[in-house]
Amino acid sequence: ADPSFSVPDSGGRRADIGISEYLFALGDTKGDDTIELGDVIYMANFLLKSGPAPCPFGSADVDCDGDVEIADVIYLANYILNSGPAPGCP
């Protein structure tokens, strides 16, 4: 089905609106389709040094608690460096 639709405004003009689905992997904070140490560094830079936000932002919530925080950095580092639990929601 086409996810686009039109909405008329009060002036008789039409606004076209489209909706698309964007899939991403938890932990792929750089948006390059890989989960690696660089993603941990990217997250830490965002949280501690005001670096650019993860893209998409939700990819950084690797423990699925609704927040992006230092615990997510530790979780992802543990996954990559120590074969810890994979990012994901129960």
PDB file of N, CA and C in Angstrom:
ATOM      1  N   ALA A   1       0.837  -1.182   0.000  1.00  0.00           N
ATOM      2  CA  ALA A   1       0.000   0.000   0.000  1.00  0.00           C
ATOM      3  C   ALA A   1       0.880   1.243   0.000  1.00  0.00           C
ATOM      4  N   ASP A   2       0.409   2.257  -0.669  1.00  0.00           N
ATOM      5  CA  ASP A   2       1.136   3.523  -0.748  1.00  0.00           C
ATOM      6  C   ASP A   2       0.957   4.283   0.565  1.00  0.00           C
ATOM      7  N   PRO A   3       2.059   4.600   1.267  1.00  0.00           N
ATOM      8  CA  PRO A   3       1.942   5.292   2.551  1.00  0.00           C
ATOM      9  C   PRO A   3       1.792   6.808   2.423  1.00  0.00           C
ATOM     10  N   SER A   4       1.487   7.305   1.222  1.00  0.00           N
ATOM     11  CA  SER A   4       1.348   8.746   1.005  1.00  0.00           C
ATOM     12  C   SER A   4      -0.128   9.141   1.012  1.00  0.00           C
ATOM     13  N   PHE A   5      -0.385  10.367   1.427  1.00  0.00           N
ATOM     14  CA  PHE A   5      -1.741  10.888   1.376  1.00  0.00           C
ATOM     15  C   PHE A   5      -1.677  12.403   1.306  1.00  0.00           C
ATOM     16  N   SER A   6      -2.801  13.012   0.915  1.00  0.00           N
ATOM     17  CA  SER A   6      -2.886  14.466   0.786  1.00  0.00           C
ATOM     18  C   SER A   6      -3.834  15.018   1.835  1.00  0.00           C
ATOM     19  N   VAL A   7      -3.503  16.201   2.325  1.00  0.00           N
ATOM     20  CA  VAL A   7      -4.326  16.875   3.324  1.00  0.00           C
ATOM     21  C   VAL A   7      -4.582  18.292   2.830  1.00  0.00           C
ATOM     22  N   PRO A   8      -5.870  18.666   2.634  1.00  0.00           N
ATOM     23  CA  PRO A   8      -6.147  20.045   2.220  1.00  0.00           C
ATOM     24  C   PRO A   8      -6.019  20.992   3.411  1.00  0.00           C
ATOM     25  N   ASP A   9      -5.491  22.196   3.158  1.00  0.00           N
ATOM     26  CA  ASP A   9      -5.440  23.187   4.235  1.00  0.00           C
ATOM     27  C   ASP A   9      -6.618  24.145   4.079  1.00  0.00           C
ATOM     28  N   SER A  10      -6.753  25.104   4.975  1.00  0.00           N
ATOM     29  CA  SER A  10      -7.910  26.007   4.965  1.00  0.00           C
ATOM     30  C   SER A  10      -7.931  26.925   3.751  1.00  0.00           C
ATOM     31  N   GLY A  11      -6.803  27.105   3.087  1.00  0.00           N
ATOM     32  CA  GLY A  11      -6.743  27.971   1.916  1.00  0.00           C
ATOM     33  C   GLY A  11      -6.997  27.234   0.616  1.00  0.00           C
ATOM     34  N   GLY A  12      -7.389  25.974   0.694  1.00  0.00           N
ATOM     35  CA  GLY A  12      -7.667  25.211  -0.514  1.00  0.00           C
ATOM     36  C   GLY A  12      -6.430  24.592  -1.141  1.00  0.00           C
ATOM     37  N   ARG A  13      -5.300  24.792  -0.536  1.00  0.00           N
ATOM     38  CA  ARG A  13      -4.082  24.166  -1.048  1.00  0.00           C
ATOM     39  C   ARG A  13      -3.982  22.750  -0.507  1.00  0.00           C
ATOM     40  N   ARG A  14      -3.077  21.994  -1.059  1.00  0.00           N
ATOM     41  CA  ARG A  14      -2.925  20.605  -0.668  1.00  0.00           C
ATOM     42  C   ARG A  14      -1.509  20.367  -0.180  1.00  0.00           C
ATOM     43  N   ALA A  15      -1.383  19.642   0.906  1.00  0.00           N
ATOM     44  CA  ALA A  15      -0.067  19.245   1.414  1.00  0.00           C
ATOM     45  C   ALA A  15       0.066  17.736   1.238  1.00  0.00           C
ATOM     46  N   ASP A  16       1.087  17.308   0.529  1.00  0.00           N
ATOM     47  CA  ASP A  16       1.340  15.879   0.350  1.00  0.00           C
ATOM     48  C   ASP A  16       2.227  15.393   1.479  1.00  0.00           C
ATOM     49  N   ILE A  17       1.820  14.318   2.101  1.00  0.00           N
ATOM     50  CA  ILE A  17       2.546  13.768   3.237  1.00  0.00           C
ATOM     51  C   ILE A  17       2.880  12.317   2.938  1.00  0.00           C
ATOM     52  N   GLY A  18       4.107  11.932   3.204  1.00  0.00           N
ATOM     53  CA  GLY A  18       4.519  10.544   3.012  1.00  0.00           C
ATOM     54  C   GLY A  18       5.127   9.985   4.280  1.00  0.00           C
ATOM     55  N   ILE A  19       4.954   8.723   4.468  1.00  0.00           N
ATOM     56  CA  ILE A  19       5.505   8.037   5.631  1.00  0.00           C
ATOM     57  C   ILE A  19       6.394   6.915   5.130  1.00  0.00           C
ATOM     58  N   SER A  20       7.568   6.797   5.716  1.00  0.00           N
ATOM     59  CA  SER A  20       8.443   5.695   5.328  1.00  0.00           C
ATOM     60  C   SER A  20       8.998   5.023   6.578  1.00  0.00           C
ATOM     61  N   GLU A  21       9.329   3.778   6.421  1.00  0.00           N
ATOM     62  CA  GLU A  21       9.882   3.001   7.522  1.00  0.00           C
ATOM     63  C   GLU A  21      11.399   3.017   7.406  1.00  0.00           C
ATOM     64  N   TYR A  22      12.077   3.240   8.530  1.00  0.00           N
ATOM     65  CA  TYR A  22      13.535   3.279   8.536  1.00  0.00           C
ATOM     66  C   TYR A  22      14.024   2.205   9.493  1.00  0.00           C
ATOM     67  N   LEU A  23      14.655   1.191   8.957  1.00  0.00           N
ATOM     68  CA  LEU A  23      15.160   0.103   9.777  1.00  0.00           C
ATOM     69  C   LEU A  23      16.618   0.362  10.130  1.00  0.00           C
ATOM     70  N   PHE A  24      16.992  -0.001  11.352  1.00  0.00           N
ATOM     71  CA  PHE A  24      18.372   0.169  11.782  1.00  0.00           C
ATOM     72  C   PHE A  24      18.708  -0.912  12.790  1.00  0.00           C
ATOM     73  N   ALA A  25      19.988  -1.097  13.022  1.00  0.00           N
ATOM     74  CA  ALA A  25      20.459  -2.072  14.007  1.00  0.00           C
ATOM     75  C   ALA A  25      20.851  -1.337  15.279  1.00  0.00           C
ATOM     76  N   LEU A  26      20.383  -1.843  16.413  1.00  0.00           N
ATOM     77  CA  LEU A  26      20.823  -1.275  17.686  1.00  0.00           C
ATOM     78  C   LEU A  26      22.334  -1.419  17.791  1.00  0.00           C
ATOM     79  N   GLY A  27      23.001  -0.338  18.125  1.00  0.00           N
ATOM     80  CA  GLY A  27      24.453  -0.343  18.252  1.00  0.00           C
ATOM     81  C   GLY A  27      25.174   0.238  17.054  1.00  0.00           C
ATOM     82  N   ASP A  28      24.502   0.328  15.915  1.00  0.00           N
ATOM     83  CA  ASP A  28      25.118   0.916  14.722  1.00  0.00           C
ATOM     84  C   ASP A  28      24.906   2.424  14.763  1.00  0.00           C
ATOM     85  N   THR A  29      25.589   3.076  15.688  1.00  0.00           N
ATOM     86  CA  THR A  29      25.365   4.497  15.951  1.00  0.00           C
ATOM     87  C   THR A  29      25.903   5.414  14.858  1.00  0.00           C
ATOM     88  N   LYS A  30      26.821   4.907  14.040  1.00  0.00           N
ATOM     89  CA  LYS A  30      27.365   5.710  12.945  1.00  0.00           C
ATOM     90  C   LYS A  30      26.556   5.544  11.669  1.00  0.00           C
ATOM     91  N   GLY A  31      25.635   4.568  11.657  1.00  0.00           N
ATOM     92  CA  GLY A  31      24.781   4.361  10.492  1.00  0.00           C
ATOM     93  C   GLY A  31      25.500   3.789   9.292  1.00  0.00           C
ATOM     94  N   ASP A  32      26.566   3.001   9.523  1.00  0.00           N
ATOM     95  CA  ASP A  32      27.330   2.445   8.405  1.00  0.00           C
ATOM     96  C   ASP A  32      27.131   0.938   8.235  1.00  0.00           C
ATOM     97  N   ASP A  33      26.082   0.405   8.838  1.00  0.00           N
ATOM     98  CA  ASP A  33      25.711  -1.010   8.729  1.00  0.00           C
ATOM     99  C   ASP A  33      26.712  -1.972   9.353  1.00  0.00           C
ATOM    100  N   THR A  34      27.524  -1.495  10.283  1.00  0.00           N
ATOM    101  CA  THR A  34      28.418  -2.362  11.049  1.00  0.00           C
ATOM    102  C   THR A  34      28.340  -1.948  12.516  1.00  0.00           C
ATOM    103  N   ILE A  35      28.564  -2.914  13.391  1.00  0.00           N
ATOM    104  CA  ILE A  35      28.626  -2.622  14.825  1.00  0.00           C
ATOM    105  C   ILE A  35      30.037  -2.960  15.264  1.00  0.00           C
ATOM    106  N   GLU A  36      30.785  -1.930  15.654  1.00  0.00           N
ATOM    107  CA  GLU A  36      32.201  -2.098  15.966  1.00  0.00           C
ATOM    108  C   GLU A  36      32.615  -1.095  17.038  1.00  0.00           C
ATOM    109  N   LEU A  37      33.871  -1.144  17.422  1.00  0.00           N
ATOM    110  CA  LEU A  37      34.387  -0.260  18.458  1.00  0.00           C
ATOM    111  C   LEU A  37      34.184   1.214  18.101  1.00  0.00           C
ATOM    112  N   GLY A  38      34.215   1.538  16.828  1.00  0.00           N
ATOM    113  CA  GLY A  38      33.973   2.912  16.398  1.00  0.00           C
ATOM    114  C   GLY A  38      32.610   3.431  16.831  1.00  0.00           C
ATOM    115  N   ASP A  39      31.624   2.546  16.921  1.00  0.00           N
ATOM    116  CA  ASP A  39      30.297   2.951  17.386  1.00  0.00           C
ATOM    117  C   ASP A  39      30.317   3.299  18.867  1.00  0.00           C
ATOM    118  N   VAL A  40      31.118   2.568  19.647  1.00  0.00           N
ATOM    119  CA  VAL A  40      31.283   2.870  21.073  1.00  0.00           C
ATOM    120  C   VAL A  40      31.920   4.250  21.229  1.00  0.00           C
ATOM    121  N   ILE A  41      32.961   4.500  20.469  1.00  0.00           N
ATOM    122  CA  ILE A  41      33.661   5.785  20.525  1.00  0.00           C
ATOM    123  C   ILE A  41      32.728   6.915  20.086  1.00  0.00           C
ATOM    124  N   TYR A  42      31.945   6.666  19.050  1.00  0.00           N
ATOM    125  CA  TYR A  42      30.990   7.664  18.561  1.00  0.00           C
ATOM    126  C   TYR A  42      29.983   8.029  19.648  1.00  0.00           C
ATOM    127  N   MET A  43      29.450   7.002  20.335  1.00  0.00           N
ATOM    128  CA  MET A  43      28.489   7.241  21.417  1.00  0.00           C
ATOM    129  C   MET A  43      29.130   8.013  22.563  1.00  0.00           C
ATOM    130  N   ALA A  44      30.338   7.614  22.952  1.00  0.00           N
ATOM    131  CA  ALA A  44      31.035   8.289  24.050  1.00  0.00           C
ATOM    132  C   ALA A  44      31.306   9.747  23.682  1.00  0.00           C
ATOM    133  N   ASN A  45      31.713   9.985  22.452  1.00  0.00           N
ATOM    134  CA  ASN A  45      31.969  11.347  21.996  1.00  0.00           C
ATOM    135  C   ASN A  45      30.690  12.185  22.055  1.00  0.00           C
ATOM    136  N   PHE A  46      29.568  11.593  21.670  1.00  0.00           N
ATOM    137  CA  PHE A  46      28.286  12.299  21.736  1.00  0.00           C
ATOM    138  C   PHE A  46      27.928  12.644  23.180  1.00  0.00           C
ATOM    139  N   LEU A  47      28.043  11.674  24.066  1.00  0.00           N
ATOM    140  CA  LEU A  47      27.615  11.878  25.450  1.00  0.00           C
ATOM    141  C   LEU A  47      28.580  12.730  26.274  1.00  0.00           C
ATOM    142  N   LEU A  48      29.867  12.578  26.042  1.00  0.00           N
ATOM    143  CA  LEU A  48      30.858  13.225  26.901  1.00  0.00           C
ATOM    144  C   LEU A  48      31.496  14.476  26.308  1.00  0.00           C
ATOM    145  N   LYS A  49      31.475  14.609  24.992  1.00  0.00           N
ATOM    146  CA  LYS A  49      32.174  15.716  24.336  1.00  0.00           C
ATOM    147  C   LYS A  49      31.278  16.539  23.418  1.00  0.00           C
ATOM    148  N   SER A  50      29.963  16.360  23.508  1.00  0.00           N
ATOM    149  CA  SER A  50      29.010  17.081  22.655  1.00  0.00           C
ATOM    150  C   SER A  50      29.259  16.836  21.177  1.00  0.00           C
ATOM    151  N   GLY A  51      29.644  15.607  20.842  1.00  0.00           N
ATOM    152  CA  GLY A  51      29.839  15.230  19.444  1.00  0.00           C
ATOM    153  C   GLY A  51      28.500  15.074  18.742  1.00  0.00           C
ATOM    154  N   PRO A  52      28.534  14.725  17.459  1.00  0.00           N
ATOM    155  CA  PRO A  52      27.286  14.566  16.713  1.00  0.00           C
ATOM    156  C   PRO A  52      26.437  13.430  17.284  1.00  0.00           C
ATOM    157  N   ALA A  53      25.135  13.590  17.169  1.00  0.00           N
ATOM    158  CA  ALA A  53      24.195  12.585  17.675  1.00  0.00           C
ATOM    159  C   ALA A  53      24.246  11.323  16.822  1.00  0.00           C
ATOM    160  N   PRO A  54      23.986  10.185  17.434  1.00  0.00           N
ATOM    161  CA  PRO A  54      23.888   8.939  16.666  1.00  0.00           C
ATOM    162  C   PRO A  54      22.797   9.059  15.605  1.00  0.00           C
ATOM    163  N   CYS A  55      22.988   8.349  14.519  1.00  0.00           N
ATOM    164  CA  CYS A  55      22.036   8.406  13.417  1.00  0.00           C
ATOM    165  C   CYS A  55      21.651   7.002  12.983  1.00  0.00           C
ATOM    166  N   PRO A  56      20.420   6.616  13.189  1.00  0.00           N
ATOM    167  CA  PRO A  56      19.364   7.324  13.897  1.00  0.00           C
ATOM    168  C   PRO A  56      19.595   7.295  15.401  1.00  0.00           C
ATOM    169  N   PHE A  57      18.996   8.228  16.086  1.00  0.00           N
ATOM    170  CA  PHE A  57      19.245   8.386  17.515  1.00  0.00           C
ATOM    171  C   PHE A  57      18.915   7.121  18.299  1.00  0.00           C
ATOM    172  N   GLY A  58      17.839   6.454  17.949  1.00  0.00           N
ATOM    173  CA  GLY A  58      17.418   5.245  18.653  1.00  0.00           C
ATOM    174  C   GLY A  58      18.414   4.109  18.598  1.00  0.00           C
ATOM    175  N   SER A  59      19.340   4.148  17.654  1.00  0.00           N
ATOM    176  CA  SER A  59      20.339   3.077  17.544  1.00  0.00           C
ATOM    177  C   SER A  59      21.277   3.041  18.740  1.00  0.00           C
ATOM    178  N   ALA A  60      21.346   4.129  19.495  1.00  0.00           N
ATOM    179  CA  ALA A  60      22.254   4.204  20.643  1.00  0.00           C
ATOM    180  C   ALA A  60      21.630   3.693  21.936  1.00  0.00           C
ATOM    181  N   ASP A  61      20.331   3.459  21.945  1.00  0.00           N
ATOM    182  CA  ASP A  61      19.673   2.933  23.151  1.00  0.00           C
ATOM    183  C   ASP A  61      19.786   1.410  23.135  1.00  0.00           C
ATOM    184  N   VAL A  62      21.007   0.906  23.293  1.00  0.00           N
ATOM    185  CA  VAL A  62      21.275  -0.522  23.102  1.00  0.00           C
ATOM    186  C   VAL A  62      20.716  -1.401  24.205  1.00  0.00           C
ATOM    187  N   ASP A  63      20.417  -0.831  25.369  1.00  0.00           N
ATOM    188  CA  ASP A  63      19.823  -1.637  26.441  1.00  0.00           C
ATOM    189  C   ASP A  63      18.303  -1.467  26.511  1.00  0.00           C
ATOM    190  N   CYS A  64      17.757  -0.709  25.576  1.00  0.00           N
ATOM    191  CA  CYS A  64      16.300  -0.553  25.398  1.00  0.00           C
ATOM    192  C   CYS A  64      15.575  -0.049  26.637  1.00  0.00           C
ATOM    193  N   ASP A  65      16.191   0.876  27.364  1.00  0.00           N
ATOM    194  CA  ASP A  65      15.520   1.428  28.540  1.00  0.00           C
ATOM    195  C   ASP A  65      14.872   2.781  28.255  1.00  0.00           C
ATOM    196  N   GLY A  66      14.926   3.225  27.001  1.00  0.00           N
ATOM    197  CA  GLY A  66      14.307   4.489  26.622  1.00  0.00           C
ATOM    198  C   GLY A  66      15.208   5.696  26.731  1.00  0.00           C
ATOM    199  N   ASP A  67      16.437   5.517  27.205  1.00  0.00           N
ATOM    200  CA  ASP A  67      17.393   6.618  27.348  1.00  0.00           C
ATOM    201  C   ASP A  67      18.700   6.265  26.653  1.00  0.00           C
ATOM    202  N   VAL A  68      19.387   7.287  26.185  1.00  0.00           N
ATOM    203  CA  VAL A  68      20.747   7.116  25.666  1.00  0.00           C
ATOM    204  C   VAL A  68      21.664   7.729  26.703  1.00  0.00           C
ATOM    205  N   GLU A  69      22.468   6.887  27.337  1.00  0.00           N
ATOM    206  CA  GLU A  69      23.303   7.318  28.453  1.00  0.00           C
ATOM    207  C   GLU A  69      24.581   6.492  28.482  1.00  0.00           C
ATOM    208  N   ILE A  70      25.452   6.797  29.433  1.00  0.00           N
ATOM    209  CA  ILE A  70      26.751   6.129  29.505  1.00  0.00           C
ATOM    210  C   ILE A  70      26.589   4.618  29.684  1.00  0.00           C
ATOM    211  N   ALA A  71      25.500   4.172  30.298  1.00  0.00           N
ATOM    212  CA  ALA A  71      25.255   2.730  30.447  1.00  0.00           C
ATOM    213  C   ALA A  71      25.167   2.048  29.086  1.00  0.00           C
ATOM    214  N   ASP A  72      24.671   2.754  28.075  1.00  0.00           N
ATOM    215  CA  ASP A  72      24.604   2.190  26.727  1.00  0.00           C
ATOM    216  C   ASP A  72      26.001   2.036  26.130  1.00  0.00           C
ATOM    217  N   VAL A  73      26.872   2.992  26.411  1.00  0.00           N
ATOM    218  CA  VAL A  73      28.261   2.905  25.943  1.00  0.00           C
ATOM    219  C   VAL A  73      28.928   1.676  26.555  1.00  0.00           C
ATOM    220  N   ILE A  74      28.752   1.496  27.851  1.00  0.00           N
ATOM    221  CA  ILE A  74      29.351   0.356  28.552  1.00  0.00           C
ATOM    222  C   ILE A  74      28.768  -0.954  28.032  1.00  0.00           C
ATOM    223  N   TYR A  75      27.470  -0.996  27.824  1.00  0.00           N
ATOM    224  CA  TYR A  75      26.798  -2.191  27.312  1.00  0.00           C
ATOM    225  C   TYR A  75      27.369  -2.579  25.950  1.00  0.00           C
ATOM    226  N   LEU A  76      27.486  -1.597  25.053  1.00  0.00           N
ATOM    227  CA  LEU A  76      27.984  -1.881  23.708  1.00  0.00           C
ATOM    228  C   LEU A  76      29.454  -2.276  23.732  1.00  0.00           C
ATOM    229  N   ALA A  77      30.247  -1.611  24.572  1.00  0.00           N
ATOM    230  CA  ALA A  77      31.665  -1.976  24.698  1.00  0.00           C
ATOM    231  C   ALA A  77      31.798  -3.401  25.216  1.00  0.00           C
ATOM    232  N   ASN A  78      30.982  -3.782  26.176  1.00  0.00           N
ATOM    233  CA  ASN A  78      31.013  -5.139  26.712  1.00  0.00           C
ATOM    234  C   ASN A  78      30.647  -6.159  25.635  1.00  0.00           C
ATOM    235  N   TYR A  79      29.675  -5.831  24.804  1.00  0.00           N
ATOM    236  CA  TYR A  79      29.283  -6.717  23.700  1.00  0.00           C
ATOM    237  C   TYR A  79      30.441  -6.912  22.720  1.00  0.00           C
ATOM    238  N   ILE A  80      31.084  -5.825  22.345  1.00  0.00           N
ATOM    239  CA  ILE A  80      32.137  -5.889  21.328  1.00  0.00           C
ATOM    240  C   ILE A  80      33.433  -6.479  21.880  1.00  0.00           C
ATOM    241  N   LEU A  81      33.839  -6.053  23.051  1.00  0.00           N
ATOM    242  CA  LEU A  81      35.152  -6.435  23.577  1.00  0.00           C
ATOM    243  C   LEU A  81      35.149  -7.717  24.406  1.00  0.00           C
ATOM    244  N   ASN A  82      34.010  -8.036  25.028  1.00  0.00           N
ATOM    245  CA  ASN A  82      33.978  -9.177  25.952  1.00  0.00           C
ATOM    246  C   ASN A  82      32.935 -10.228  25.592  1.00  0.00           C
ATOM    247  N   SER A  83      32.414 -10.167  24.375  1.00  0.00           N
ATOM    248  CA  SER A  83      31.364 -11.101  23.945  1.00  0.00           C
ATOM    249  C   SER A  83      30.169 -11.078  24.892  1.00  0.00           C
ATOM    250  N   GLY A  84      29.825  -9.879  25.363  1.00  0.00           N
ATOM    251  CA  GLY A  84      28.666  -9.708  26.238  1.00  0.00           C
ATOM    252  C   GLY A  84      27.373  -9.863  25.460  1.00  0.00           C
ATOM    253  N   PRO A  85      26.239  -9.650  26.123  1.00  0.00           N
ATOM    254  CA  PRO A  85      24.954  -9.794  25.441  1.00  0.00           C
ATOM    255  C   PRO A  85      24.806  -8.798  24.291  1.00  0.00           C
ATOM    256  N   ALA A  86      24.200  -9.262  23.220  1.00  0.00           N
ATOM    257  CA  ALA A  86      23.990  -8.419  22.044  1.00  0.00           C
ATOM    258  C   ALA A  86      22.978  -7.327  22.352  1.00  0.00           C
ATOM    259  N   PRO A  87      23.110  -6.176  21.687  1.00  0.00           N
ATOM    260  CA  PRO A  87      22.101  -5.133  21.842  1.00  0.00           C
ATOM    261  C   PRO A  87      20.740  -5.676  21.416  1.00  0.00           C
ATOM    262  N   GLY A  88      19.723  -5.279  22.124  1.00  0.00           N
ATOM    263  CA  GLY A  88      18.386  -5.714  21.735  1.00  0.00           C
ATOM    264  C   GLY A  88      17.410  -5.611  22.868  1.00  0.00           C
ATOM    265  N   CYS A  89      16.154  -5.576  22.484  1.00  0.00           N
ATOM    266  CA  CYS A  89      15.078  -5.476  23.460  1.00  0.00           C
ATOM    267  C   CYS A  89      14.492  -6.860  23.703  1.00  0.00           C
ATOM    268  N   PRO A  90      14.131  -7.110  24.953  1.00  0.00           N
ATOM    269  CA  PRO A  90      13.552  -8.437  25.257  1.00  0.00           C
ATOM    270  C   PRO A  90      12.234  -8.669  24.551  1.00  0.00           C
TER     271      PRO A  90
END
